[in-house]
Amino acid sequence: LFFFFKQKTAYEMQRGLVGSEMCIRDRYMGIQIMESQTSPLFANLMTDPANSKCAECGQAAPLWASISNGIFICFKCAVEIQTNTAKESYTQPINASTWTDKQIQHFSMGGNKRFGDFMNTYKLNEEPLKTKYNSKAAEYYRQRLEAIVEGTPFTLEPLSIEDGRTLAIFKPEQEIGYFN
């Protein structure tokens, strides 16, 4: 007789931990918004047909989000993005216990359609996620979105298609892959 016991995740044990190490780091300073307040906000954002499916694979009703890219994604794509890309690609479940105003603004100012259209400009939508999210175009998009959210001027010149498709060079402390 053999019994299999599923090990509980941190999210299942204590809701405030939001499930994994990748969801605990990089908290923004700012006003925390409780889950009861975020549910209507996300429900409103999900009325956009582009946001109602994973930005990467098209799976319906994505339950995760890439905050730094301002997009909604499924769990499988969240893991792949977080594992194979620069640490700037911060992901978290949309039912996390708290969100900040700034984090929510990334989705209001970004969204799946804007991100997809921008990546399509650089012909990156069909590339592997590791290539797409580590490209100079993705880095540029994250920086531009952050400037919009912060309300600060964004002065970088747009990238050429060729430059946007190249891999960004990250500092040594920005190693690729959070779980390495």
N, C-alpha and C. Protein backbone atom coordinates (compact mmCIF):
# COMPACT_ATOMS: atom_id res chain seq x y z
N LEU A 1 0.85 -1.18 0.00
CA LEU A 1 0.00 0.00 0.00
C LEU A 1 0.88 1.23 0.00
N PHE A 2 0.62 2.15 -0.93
CA PHE A 2 1.44 3.35 -1.08
C PHE A 2 0.53 4.57 -1.10
N PHE A 3 0.89 5.56 -0.31
CA PHE A 3 0.13 6.80 -0.28
C PHE A 3 1.00 7.92 -0.82
N PHE A 4 0.38 8.74 -1.63
CA PHE A 4 1.09 9.90 -2.18
C PHE A 4 0.51 11.15 -1.53
N PHE A 5 1.36 11.91 -0.89
CA PHE A 5 0.92 13.15 -0.28
C PHE A 5 1.54 14.31 -1.05
N LYS A 6 0.69 15.18 -1.52
CA LYS A 6 1.16 16.36 -2.23
C LYS A 6 1.71 17.35 -1.22
N GLN A 7 2.92 17.82 -1.48
CA GLN A 7 3.49 18.83 -0.62
C GLN A 7 2.78 20.15 -0.89
N LYS A 8 2.35 20.82 0.15
CA LYS A 8 1.67 22.09 -0.02
C LYS A 8 2.65 23.19 -0.35
N THR A 9 2.20 24.09 -1.21
CA THR A 9 3.03 25.24 -1.54
C THR A 9 2.88 26.28 -0.43
N ALA A 10 3.75 27.25 -0.44
CA ALA A 10 3.65 28.33 0.55
C ALA A 10 2.32 29.04 0.41
N TYR A 11 1.82 29.16 -0.81
CA TYR A 11 0.54 29.83 -1.04
C TYR A 11 -0.59 29.07 -0.37
N GLU A 12 -0.55 27.74 -0.44
CA GLU A 12 -1.61 26.94 0.18
C GLU A 12 -1.51 26.98 1.70
N MET A 13 -0.29 27.09 2.22
CA MET A 13 -0.11 27.09 3.67
C MET A 13 -0.44 28.44 4.29
N GLN A 14 0.01 29.49 3.68
CA GLN A 14 -0.24 30.82 4.20
C GLN A 14 -0.48 31.77 3.04
N ARG A 15 -1.67 32.23 2.88
CA ARG A 15 -2.09 33.03 1.74
C ARG A 15 -1.19 34.25 1.53
N GLY A 16 -0.69 34.86 2.55
CA GLY A 16 0.12 36.07 2.43
C GLY A 16 1.46 35.87 1.76
N LEU A 17 1.92 34.63 1.61
CA LEU A 17 3.22 34.39 0.99
C LEU A 17 3.17 34.36 -0.53
N VAL A 18 2.01 34.35 -1.11
CA VAL A 18 1.76 34.35 -2.54
C VAL A 18 2.44 33.26 -3.34
N GLY A 19 2.75 32.14 -2.71
CA GLY A 19 3.06 30.96 -3.49
C GLY A 19 4.47 30.57 -3.78
N SER A 20 5.40 31.45 -3.99
CA SER A 20 6.75 31.03 -4.31
C SER A 20 7.73 32.17 -4.13
N GLU A 21 9.00 31.82 -4.14
CA GLU A 21 10.03 32.84 -3.96
C GLU A 21 9.93 33.94 -4.99
N MET A 22 9.61 33.58 -6.23
CA MET A 22 9.60 34.58 -7.28
C MET A 22 8.52 35.62 -7.07
N CYS A 23 7.56 35.34 -6.18
CA CYS A 23 6.49 36.29 -5.95
C CYS A 23 6.75 37.15 -4.71
N ILE A 24 7.81 36.88 -3.99
CA ILE A 24 8.08 37.60 -2.75
C ILE A 24 9.04 38.77 -2.98
N ARG A 25 9.91 38.65 -3.98
CA ARG A 25 10.93 39.67 -4.18
C ARG A 25 10.41 40.91 -4.89
N ASP A 26 11.23 41.93 -4.90
CA ASP A 26 10.99 43.14 -5.69
C ASP A 26 9.67 43.85 -5.41
N ARG A 27 9.25 43.94 -4.17
CA ARG A 27 8.03 44.67 -3.85
C ARG A 27 8.28 46.16 -4.04
N TYR A 28 7.34 46.83 -4.66
CA TYR A 28 7.42 48.27 -4.81
C TYR A 28 6.98 48.94 -3.51
N MET A 29 7.52 50.09 -3.26
CA MET A 29 7.02 50.90 -2.17
C MET A 29 5.71 51.50 -2.66
N GLY A 30 4.76 51.66 -1.78
CA GLY A 30 3.51 52.27 -2.21
C GLY A 30 2.35 51.72 -1.41
N ILE A 31 1.19 52.15 -1.78
CA ILE A 31 -0.02 51.75 -1.08
C ILE A 31 -0.37 50.33 -1.48
N GLN A 32 -0.60 49.48 -0.49
CA GLN A 32 -0.99 48.10 -0.76
C GLN A 32 -2.50 48.05 -1.02
N ILE A 33 -2.89 47.33 -2.03
CA ILE A 33 -4.30 47.15 -2.35
C ILE A 33 -4.64 45.70 -2.01
N MET A 34 -5.64 45.50 -1.19
CA MET A 34 -6.00 44.15 -0.76
C MET A 34 -6.74 43.42 -1.89
N GLU A 35 -6.73 42.08 -1.80
CA GLU A 35 -7.33 41.25 -2.84
C GLU A 35 -8.79 41.62 -3.12
N SER A 36 -9.55 41.94 -2.08
CA SER A 36 -10.96 42.28 -2.28
C SER A 36 -11.11 43.52 -3.15
N GLN A 37 -10.09 44.39 -3.16
CA GLN A 37 -10.11 45.57 -3.99
C GLN A 37 -9.57 45.28 -5.39
N THR A 38 -8.63 44.33 -5.51
CA THR A 38 -8.02 44.05 -6.82
C THR A 38 -8.94 43.22 -7.70
N SER A 39 -9.77 42.39 -7.12
CA SER A 39 -10.65 41.55 -7.94
C SER A 39 -11.47 42.37 -8.93
N PRO A 40 -12.15 43.45 -8.49
CA PRO A 40 -12.89 44.26 -9.47
C PRO A 40 -11.96 44.94 -10.48
N LEU A 41 -10.78 45.36 -10.04
CA LEU A 41 -9.84 46.01 -10.96
C LEU A 41 -9.41 45.05 -12.05
N PHE A 42 -9.04 43.83 -11.68
CA PHE A 42 -8.63 42.85 -12.67
C PHE A 42 -9.81 42.39 -13.53
N ALA A 43 -10.97 42.26 -12.91
CA ALA A 43 -12.16 41.88 -13.69
C ALA A 43 -12.42 42.91 -14.78
N ASN A 44 -12.24 44.19 -14.46
CA ASN A 44 -12.43 45.25 -15.44
C ASN A 44 -11.37 45.16 -16.54
N LEU A 45 -10.10 44.93 -16.18
CA LEU A 45 -9.04 44.81 -17.17
C LEU A 45 -9.24 43.59 -18.06
N MET A 46 -9.83 42.53 -17.49
CA MET A 46 -10.05 41.30 -18.25
C MET A 46 -11.21 41.42 -19.25
N THR A 47 -11.97 42.51 -19.20
CA THR A 47 -13.03 42.69 -20.20
C THR A 47 -12.43 42.97 -21.58
N ASP A 48 -11.19 43.41 -21.62
CA ASP A 48 -10.49 43.58 -22.90
C ASP A 48 -10.21 42.17 -23.43
N PRO A 49 -10.69 41.84 -24.62
CA PRO A 49 -10.50 40.48 -25.15
C PRO A 49 -9.03 40.03 -25.18
N ALA A 50 -8.11 40.95 -25.42
CA ALA A 50 -6.69 40.58 -25.45
C ALA A 50 -6.19 40.18 -24.08
N ASN A 51 -6.72 40.80 -23.02
CA ASN A 51 -6.29 40.47 -21.66
C ASN A 51 -6.96 39.22 -21.11
N SER A 52 -8.02 38.76 -21.75
CA SER A 52 -8.76 37.61 -21.23
C SER A 52 -8.13 36.27 -21.63
N LYS A 53 -6.97 36.34 -22.30
CA LYS A 53 -6.23 35.12 -22.63
C LYS A 53 -4.74 35.39 -22.41
N CYS A 54 -3.98 34.32 -22.25
CA CYS A 54 -2.55 34.44 -22.02
C CYS A 54 -1.90 35.18 -23.19
N ALA A 55 -1.08 36.16 -22.86
CA ALA A 55 -0.39 36.96 -23.89
C ALA A 55 0.55 36.12 -24.73
N GLU A 56 0.96 34.96 -24.23
CA GLU A 56 1.93 34.14 -24.95
C GLU A 56 1.32 32.94 -25.67
N CYS A 57 0.53 32.14 -24.97
CA CYS A 57 0.02 30.91 -25.60
C CYS A 57 -1.46 30.98 -25.95
N GLY A 58 -2.16 32.02 -25.49
CA GLY A 58 -3.56 32.18 -25.82
C GLY A 58 -4.52 31.41 -24.92
N GLN A 59 -4.03 30.76 -23.87
CA GLN A 59 -4.91 30.03 -22.96
C GLN A 59 -5.92 30.99 -22.34
N ALA A 60 -7.18 30.59 -22.27
CA ALA A 60 -8.23 31.43 -21.73
C ALA A 60 -8.06 31.65 -20.23
N ALA A 61 -8.53 32.78 -19.77
CA ALA A 61 -8.58 33.15 -18.35
C ALA A 61 -7.23 32.99 -17.64
N PRO A 62 -6.23 33.76 -18.04
CA PRO A 62 -4.93 33.66 -17.37
C PRO A 62 -5.02 34.08 -15.91
N LEU A 63 -4.30 33.38 -15.05
CA LEU A 63 -4.35 33.66 -13.62
C LEU A 63 -3.05 34.25 -13.08
N TRP A 64 -2.11 34.52 -13.97
CA TRP A 64 -0.83 35.10 -13.57
C TRP A 64 -0.61 36.38 -14.35
N ALA A 65 0.36 37.15 -13.89
CA ALA A 65 0.67 38.42 -14.53
C ALA A 65 2.16 38.67 -14.51
N SER A 66 2.66 39.27 -15.57
CA SER A 66 4.02 39.78 -15.61
C SER A 66 3.91 41.27 -15.34
N ILE A 67 4.24 41.67 -14.14
CA ILE A 67 4.07 43.06 -13.73
C ILE A 67 4.96 43.98 -14.55
N SER A 68 6.22 43.60 -14.69
CA SER A 68 7.17 44.48 -15.39
C SER A 68 6.82 44.65 -16.86
N ASN A 69 6.09 43.69 -17.45
CA ASN A 69 5.67 43.80 -18.84
C ASN A 69 4.21 44.23 -18.98
N GLY A 70 3.48 44.27 -17.85
CA GLY A 70 2.08 44.70 -17.87
C GLY A 70 1.17 43.78 -18.63
N ILE A 71 1.41 42.46 -18.54
CA ILE A 71 0.61 41.50 -19.31
C ILE A 71 0.05 40.39 -18.42
N PHE A 72 -1.03 39.77 -18.91
CA PHE A 72 -1.65 38.63 -18.24
C PHE A 72 -1.19 37.36 -18.94
N ILE A 73 -0.81 36.36 -18.15
CA ILE A 73 -0.26 35.11 -18.68
C ILE A 73 -0.76 33.93 -17.86
N CYS A 74 -0.64 32.74 -18.43
CA CYS A 74 -1.00 31.52 -17.71
C CYS A 74 0.18 31.09 -16.83
N PHE A 75 -0.05 30.12 -15.96
CA PHE A 75 0.98 29.66 -15.04
C PHE A 75 2.19 29.09 -15.79
N LYS A 76 1.93 28.29 -16.83
CA LYS A 76 3.02 27.68 -17.59
C LYS A 76 3.94 28.75 -18.19
N CYS A 77 3.35 29.75 -18.79
CA CYS A 77 4.16 30.83 -19.39
C CYS A 77 4.83 31.68 -18.32
N ALA A 78 4.17 31.87 -17.17
CA ALA A 78 4.78 32.63 -16.07
C ALA A 78 6.06 31.95 -15.61
N VAL A 79 6.01 30.63 -15.46
CA VAL A 79 7.19 29.88 -15.04
C VAL A 79 8.28 29.99 -16.09
N GLU A 80 7.91 29.83 -17.35
CA GLU A 80 8.92 29.90 -18.42
C GLU A 80 9.55 31.29 -18.51
N ILE A 81 8.73 32.32 -18.41
CA ILE A 81 9.26 33.69 -18.47
C ILE A 81 10.18 33.94 -17.28
N GLN A 82 9.74 33.58 -16.09
CA GLN A 82 10.53 33.84 -14.89
C GLN A 82 11.81 33.02 -14.87
N THR A 83 11.75 31.79 -15.33
CA THR A 83 12.90 30.90 -15.29
C THR A 83 13.94 31.25 -16.34
N ASN A 84 13.51 31.64 -17.52
CA ASN A 84 14.43 31.80 -18.65
C ASN A 84 14.77 33.23 -19.02
N THR A 85 14.31 34.18 -18.25
CA THR A 85 14.57 35.56 -18.64
C THR A 85 15.23 36.33 -17.52
N ALA A 86 15.58 37.56 -17.84
CA ALA A 86 16.23 38.44 -16.88
C ALA A 86 15.33 38.65 -15.67
N LYS A 87 15.92 38.99 -14.57
CA LYS A 87 15.16 39.17 -13.34
C LYS A 87 14.13 40.29 -13.42
N GLU A 88 14.22 41.15 -14.42
CA GLU A 88 13.24 42.23 -14.56
C GLU A 88 11.84 41.70 -14.86
N SER A 89 11.73 40.51 -15.38
CA SER A 89 10.43 39.95 -15.73
C SER A 89 9.79 39.36 -14.48
N TYR A 90 9.22 40.21 -13.67
CA TYR A 90 8.64 39.82 -12.40
C TYR A 90 7.21 39.34 -12.59
N THR A 91 6.92 38.10 -12.15
CA THR A 91 5.58 37.53 -12.30
C THR A 91 4.96 37.25 -10.94
N GLN A 92 3.63 37.24 -10.92
CA GLN A 92 2.90 36.98 -9.68
C GLN A 92 1.47 36.57 -10.03
N PRO A 93 0.83 35.73 -9.20
CA PRO A 93 -0.57 35.35 -9.48
C PRO A 93 -1.49 36.56 -9.31
N ILE A 94 -2.52 36.66 -10.14
CA ILE A 94 -3.40 37.82 -10.03
C ILE A 94 -4.25 37.79 -8.77
N ASN A 95 -4.35 36.63 -8.13
CA ASN A 95 -5.10 36.57 -6.87
C ASN A 95 -4.18 36.69 -5.66
N ALA A 96 -2.99 37.28 -5.85
CA ALA A 96 -2.08 37.52 -4.73
C ALA A 96 -2.79 38.39 -3.70
N SER A 97 -2.35 38.28 -2.47
CA SER A 97 -3.07 38.95 -1.39
C SER A 97 -3.00 40.47 -1.46
N THR A 98 -1.93 41.02 -1.96
CA THR A 98 -1.84 42.48 -2.06
C THR A 98 -1.16 42.90 -3.36
N TRP A 99 -1.55 44.04 -3.83
CA TRP A 99 -0.95 44.67 -5.00
C TRP A 99 -0.74 46.13 -4.65
N THR A 100 0.20 46.77 -5.29
CA THR A 100 0.39 48.21 -5.10
C THR A 100 -0.29 48.95 -6.25
N ASP A 101 -0.54 50.24 -6.02
CA ASP A 101 -1.11 51.08 -7.08
C ASP A 101 -0.24 51.01 -8.33
N LYS A 102 1.08 51.09 -8.13
CA LYS A 102 2.01 51.07 -9.28
C LYS A 102 1.91 49.78 -10.06
N GLN A 103 1.81 48.65 -9.37
CA GLN A 103 1.70 47.37 -10.05
C GLN A 103 0.44 47.32 -10.90
N ILE A 104 -0.67 47.78 -10.36
CA ILE A 104 -1.94 47.80 -11.10
C ILE A 104 -1.82 48.71 -12.33
N GLN A 105 -1.13 49.84 -12.17
CA GLN A 105 -0.98 50.77 -13.29
C GLN A 105 -0.22 50.16 -14.46
N HIS A 106 0.67 49.19 -14.18
CA HIS A 106 1.40 48.53 -15.28
C HIS A 106 0.42 47.87 -16.25
N PHE A 107 -0.70 47.39 -15.74
CA PHE A 107 -1.68 46.72 -16.59
C PHE A 107 -2.60 47.72 -17.27
N SER A 108 -2.94 48.79 -16.56
CA SER A 108 -3.78 49.83 -17.15
C SER A 108 -3.05 50.54 -18.28
N MET A 109 -1.76 50.77 -18.09
CA MET A 109 -0.96 51.48 -19.09
C MET A 109 -0.36 50.54 -20.13
N GLY A 110 -0.29 49.25 -19.80
CA GLY A 110 0.27 48.26 -20.70
C GLY A 110 -0.83 47.39 -21.29
N GLY A 111 -0.86 46.14 -20.87
CA GLY A 111 -1.88 45.22 -21.37
C GLY A 111 -1.34 44.33 -22.47
N ASN A 112 -2.03 43.23 -22.69
CA ASN A 112 -1.59 42.23 -23.67
C ASN A 112 -1.53 42.78 -25.10
N LYS A 113 -2.51 43.58 -25.49
CA LYS A 113 -2.54 44.10 -26.86
C LYS A 113 -1.36 45.04 -27.12
N ARG A 114 -1.14 45.99 -26.22
CA ARG A 114 -0.03 46.93 -26.41
C ARG A 114 1.31 46.20 -26.47
N PHE A 115 1.49 45.25 -25.54
CA PHE A 115 2.74 44.50 -25.51
C PHE A 115 2.90 43.69 -26.79
N GLY A 116 1.84 42.98 -27.20
CA GLY A 116 1.90 42.16 -28.41
C GLY A 116 2.16 42.99 -29.66
N ASP A 117 1.49 44.14 -29.76
CA ASP A 117 1.71 45.03 -30.91
C ASP A 117 3.15 45.54 -30.94
N PHE A 118 3.68 45.90 -29.75
CA PHE A 118 5.05 46.40 -29.69
C PHE A 118 6.04 45.30 -30.10
N MET A 119 5.86 44.10 -29.57
CA MET A 119 6.76 42.99 -29.91
C MET A 119 6.63 42.61 -31.39
N ASN A 120 5.44 42.76 -31.94
CA ASN A 120 5.22 42.46 -33.36
C ASN A 120 6.01 43.43 -34.25
N THR A 121 6.16 44.67 -33.79
CA THR A 121 6.96 45.66 -34.52
C THR A 121 8.38 45.13 -34.76
N TYR A 122 8.88 44.38 -33.78
CA TYR A 122 10.24 43.84 -33.86
C TYR A 122 10.25 42.37 -34.31
N LYS A 123 9.08 41.89 -34.73
CA LYS A 123 8.94 40.51 -35.21
C LYS A 123 9.45 39.50 -34.18
N LEU A 124 9.07 39.74 -32.91
CA LEU A 124 9.52 38.88 -31.81
C LEU A 124 8.42 37.97 -31.28
N ASN A 125 7.18 38.12 -31.73
CA ASN A 125 6.09 37.31 -31.18
C ASN A 125 6.23 35.82 -31.45
N GLU A 126 6.92 35.45 -32.50
CA GLU A 126 7.08 34.03 -32.83
C GLU A 126 8.40 33.46 -32.32
N GLU A 127 9.20 34.27 -31.67
CA GLU A 127 10.49 33.81 -31.14
C GLU A 127 10.28 33.07 -29.82
N PRO A 128 11.23 32.22 -29.43
CA PRO A 128 11.14 31.58 -28.10
C PRO A 128 11.08 32.65 -27.01
N LEU A 129 10.40 32.34 -25.91
CA LEU A 129 10.23 33.34 -24.85
C LEU A 129 11.56 33.85 -24.32
N LYS A 130 12.56 32.98 -24.24
CA LYS A 130 13.87 33.40 -23.75
C LYS A 130 14.46 34.49 -24.64
N THR A 131 14.31 34.34 -25.94
CA THR A 131 14.81 35.34 -26.89
C THR A 131 13.98 36.61 -26.80
N LYS A 132 12.67 36.45 -26.80
CA LYS A 132 11.76 37.59 -26.79
C LYS A 132 11.95 38.47 -25.56
N TYR A 133 11.94 37.88 -24.38
CA TYR A 133 11.98 38.65 -23.15
C TYR A 133 13.37 39.14 -22.77
N ASN A 134 14.40 38.62 -23.42
CA ASN A 134 15.76 39.09 -23.19
C ASN A 134 16.25 40.00 -24.31
N SER A 135 15.35 40.38 -25.19
CA SER A 135 15.72 41.26 -26.30
C SER A 135 15.82 42.70 -25.83
N LYS A 136 16.52 43.50 -26.61
CA LYS A 136 16.61 44.93 -26.32
C LYS A 136 15.23 45.58 -26.44
N ALA A 137 14.40 45.06 -27.34
CA ALA A 137 13.04 45.61 -27.49
C ALA A 137 12.23 45.39 -26.21
N ALA A 138 12.32 44.22 -25.60
CA ALA A 138 11.60 43.94 -24.35
C ALA A 138 12.12 44.83 -23.23
N GLU A 139 13.43 45.00 -23.17
CA GLU A 139 14.02 45.88 -22.15
C GLU A 139 13.53 47.32 -22.35
N TYR A 140 13.51 47.77 -23.58
CA TYR A 140 13.03 49.11 -23.93
C TYR A 140 11.56 49.26 -23.51
N TYR A 141 10.73 48.25 -23.82
CA TYR A 141 9.31 48.30 -23.47
C TYR A 141 9.13 48.41 -21.97
N ARG A 142 9.86 47.60 -21.19
CA ARG A 142 9.76 47.64 -19.72
C ARG A 142 10.17 49.01 -19.19
N GLN A 143 11.24 49.58 -19.72
CA GLN A 143 11.70 50.89 -19.27
C GLN A 143 10.67 51.98 -19.62
N ARG A 144 10.12 51.89 -20.82
CA ARG A 144 9.12 52.87 -21.25
C ARG A 144 7.86 52.76 -20.40
N LEU A 145 7.39 51.55 -20.15
CA LEU A 145 6.21 51.33 -19.33
C LEU A 145 6.44 51.85 -17.91
N GLU A 146 7.60 51.58 -17.35
CA GLU A 146 7.92 52.06 -16.00
C GLU A 146 7.90 53.59 -15.97
N ALA A 147 8.45 54.24 -16.99
CA ALA A 147 8.44 55.70 -17.04
C ALA A 147 7.01 56.24 -17.11
N ILE A 148 6.16 55.59 -17.87
CA ILE A 148 4.76 56.01 -17.98
C ILE A 148 4.09 55.88 -16.61
N VAL A 149 4.29 54.74 -15.95
CA VAL A 149 3.69 54.49 -14.64
C VAL A 149 4.21 55.50 -13.61
N GLU A 150 5.50 55.79 -13.66
CA GLU A 150 6.11 56.74 -12.72
C GLU A 150 5.75 58.19 -13.05
N GLY A 151 5.31 58.44 -14.27
CA GLY A 151 5.03 59.80 -14.69
C GLY A 151 6.29 60.60 -14.97
N THR A 152 7.35 59.90 -15.37
CA THR A 152 8.62 60.57 -15.66
C THR A 152 8.85 60.57 -17.16
N PRO A 153 9.62 61.55 -17.65
CA PRO A 153 9.90 61.60 -19.09
C PRO A 153 10.71 60.37 -19.53
N PHE A 154 10.41 59.90 -20.71
CA PHE A 154 11.16 58.79 -21.31
C PHE A 154 11.87 59.33 -22.52
N THR A 155 13.20 59.38 -22.46
CA THR A 155 13.96 60.07 -23.48
C THR A 155 14.74 59.16 -24.43
N LEU A 156 14.67 57.85 -24.22
CA LEU A 156 15.40 56.96 -25.11
C LEU A 156 14.78 56.98 -26.50
N GLU A 157 15.63 56.96 -27.49
CA GLU A 157 15.18 56.91 -28.88
C GLU A 157 14.64 55.52 -29.18
N PRO A 158 13.62 55.42 -30.04
CA PRO A 158 13.13 54.09 -30.44
C PRO A 158 14.25 53.28 -31.08
N LEU A 159 14.21 51.99 -30.90
CA LEU A 159 15.22 51.09 -31.45
C LEU A 159 14.89 50.73 -32.90
N SER A 160 15.92 50.52 -33.67
CA SER A 160 15.69 49.98 -35.02
C SER A 160 15.22 48.54 -34.85
N ILE A 161 14.60 47.99 -35.88
CA ILE A 161 14.14 46.60 -35.80
C ILE A 161 15.32 45.68 -35.54
N GLU A 162 16.41 45.91 -36.21
CA GLU A 162 17.61 45.08 -36.03
C GLU A 162 18.13 45.16 -34.60
N ASP A 163 18.24 46.38 -34.05
CA ASP A 163 18.73 46.54 -32.68
C ASP A 163 17.76 45.93 -31.66
N GLY A 164 16.46 46.11 -31.89
CA GLY A 164 15.46 45.58 -30.97
C GLY A 164 15.47 44.07 -30.88
N ARG A 165 15.86 43.41 -31.96
CA ARG A 165 15.87 41.95 -31.99
C ARG A 165 17.13 41.35 -31.34
N THR A 166 18.12 42.17 -31.05
CA THR A 166 19.34 41.64 -30.42
C THR A 166 19.11 41.43 -28.93
N LEU A 167 19.90 40.55 -28.35
CA LEU A 167 19.79 40.29 -26.92
C LEU A 167 20.39 41.43 -26.14
N ALA A 168 19.72 41.80 -25.07
CA ALA A 168 20.23 42.85 -24.20
C ALA A 168 21.41 42.29 -23.41
N ILE A 169 22.37 43.13 -23.13
CA ILE A 169 23.51 42.74 -22.31
C ILE A 169 23.18 43.14 -20.88
N PHE A 170 23.14 42.16 -20.00
CA PHE A 170 22.82 42.44 -18.61
C PHE A 170 24.08 42.45 -17.76
N LYS A 171 24.04 43.22 -16.69
CA LYS A 171 25.16 43.26 -15.75
C LYS A 171 25.29 41.89 -15.11
N PRO A 172 26.48 41.53 -14.62
CA PRO A 172 26.68 40.21 -14.01
C PRO A 172 25.67 39.89 -12.91
N GLU A 173 25.27 40.88 -12.12
CA GLU A 173 24.30 40.59 -11.05
C GLU A 173 22.90 40.35 -11.58
N GLN A 174 22.67 40.56 -12.87
CA GLN A 174 21.38 40.33 -13.49
C GLN A 174 21.40 39.01 -14.23
N GLU A 175 21.87 37.95 -13.59
CA GLU A 175 21.98 36.67 -14.28
C GLU A 175 20.63 36.23 -14.81
N ILE A 176 20.67 35.47 -15.86
CA ILE A 176 19.44 34.99 -16.49
C ILE A 176 18.90 33.82 -15.68
N GLY A 177 17.62 33.83 -15.43
CA GLY A 177 16.96 32.74 -14.73
C GLY A 177 16.98 32.93 -13.23
N TYR A 178 15.80 33.02 -12.65
CA TYR A 178 15.69 33.25 -11.22
C TYR A 178 16.04 32.01 -10.41
N PHE A 179 15.86 30.83 -10.97
CA PHE A 179 16.05 29.60 -10.21
C PHE A 179 17.42 28.97 -10.38
N ASN A 180 18.36 29.66 -11.04
CA ASN A 180 19.69 29.11 -11.26
C ASN A 180 20.46 29.02 -9.97
